[in-house]
Amino acid sequence: MRSLSVVGGIYRERCLQPTWDAVLGSAGRAAQALATAKAASRKRLHAYMGERAQSEVELLAELADFELVPTDLPFLVSFDYAHTLGDPVISPPIGLMGHRPLLSVADEVVLRYGMLEGDAVVAADVAVYDPQSAFGAAAFTANGSSAKRLAVVLNRLEMRSITGEEDPRAGADWLFRNDGAEVVVLKMGALGARVITPDAVRDIPLYRSDRVWKLGSGDVFSATFAATWALEGMAPEDAADVASRATAWYCGHRALPTPDAATLAATPFEQVRPGTGRIYLAAPFFDLGQRWLVEEGRRALLQAGARVFSPIHEVGPGPAEVVAPADLAGIEGCDVLLAILNGMDPGTVFEAGYAIRKGIPVVALAENAREEDLKMFVGSGATVTNDFATAIYQAVWRLPR
């Protein structure tokens, strides 16, 4: 057994839809995820922390069986989301936070996350590093950190920020040469993950969940990978597969810790096989709130890699004899229809019914609709959810392969 340290941010996270208010951040969430890590002889949680968060974090650490090692911070960083696929409002603003004195963390195994308010210099036998920053991300060794064995877990934007490389293999080679990494795990969103070692590349699937809670999903992936690869000694591709399964479980249940590795491996998760095609975004756009939701939906679909037909963007306003034929032709040229049913706009309901009649899969977001109003959608095989992120992912997952 090995001793484990987790170092990262402790932040207040709030979300409007679905409702969420918790003091967690990457370090707090990792502690929850690692609460049942049996291969750790001792667990420590290192973080900058102010008085406003102290009682909540002390309870979190106690429940997860972590020794808390706090460093004073005169403020509590907050992330406020409208939904879990949105960009957060961060307070205080990053430019006004300043930069705290470096934390020093030495242990047999260290899971290090990037932070907004400071940084940590790590000395470890085995380290897992998740930079947690799309812009200005730094290599693990840039601040003097060292590890005999290092795995870097990051996404494409973070890889490009650190290495300057767009190609995954070239970016991984940079990390092998310049950062001393042994393993690079590239998180690729809807495409799953890619485990890259100097002599092999292995793709890891994304697994489906009925609901999609994205807040902190990357934290859970990195924490699970640290538990399985760094503590338990799994092969990196096996550890990444368990991490992907744990992430799917977390996204579906919005709870931690996840089941253990053996249980996750035995659970029949459905693999997501990325498809191609176009999604028709059916929604009202007659006031600011409606138009905002259309823009958010379109942006989220595009970021997930889908092509989008949005009537207000592709056709625009106009007389019925122009708009209706153009919109219906747009539906016929799409592979999935995503309907925003908030308010049960007649035009949107008509478009969804037209798609169902044409055999086009329909996913509906209905946050405030009565059950009776949704009967025809449910009875016709449409997927109905009251969660924005779930609606986006369910639509993307229905694209044909």
Foldseek 3Di string as FASTA:
>chain_A
DWAEEEEEEFAWEAEQVPGDTDTAGLQNVLLQQCLPLPLHPAYEYEYEDEPVCPVVSVVSCVSSRYHYDYDYAHDHWYWYYHAQLDHTDIPPPLVPLAEDDEAEEETQEYEYEAYSRYYYAYEYQEYEYEDPDLAPGEANPPVPHDYVEYEYEYEQSNLCRHQVDNDPVVSVVCCVVPVVYQWYWYQYFQQGIWIDGPVDIDGAFAFAALAFRNVNLSSQLRSQLCSCCVRVNDDNNLSNNLSNLQSNVCRRPVDDHGDDSVVSVPDPTDTQDFAAWEEEEQFDDDDDVRVVLVVVLCVSLVVNPYHYDYLCVPPNDDDPVRSVVVSLVVLVRTQEYEAECAVPPVRSVVSQVSNLVVVHAYEYAYQDDDPVVCVVCVVSPHHYDPGSVSSSVVRRSRHHD
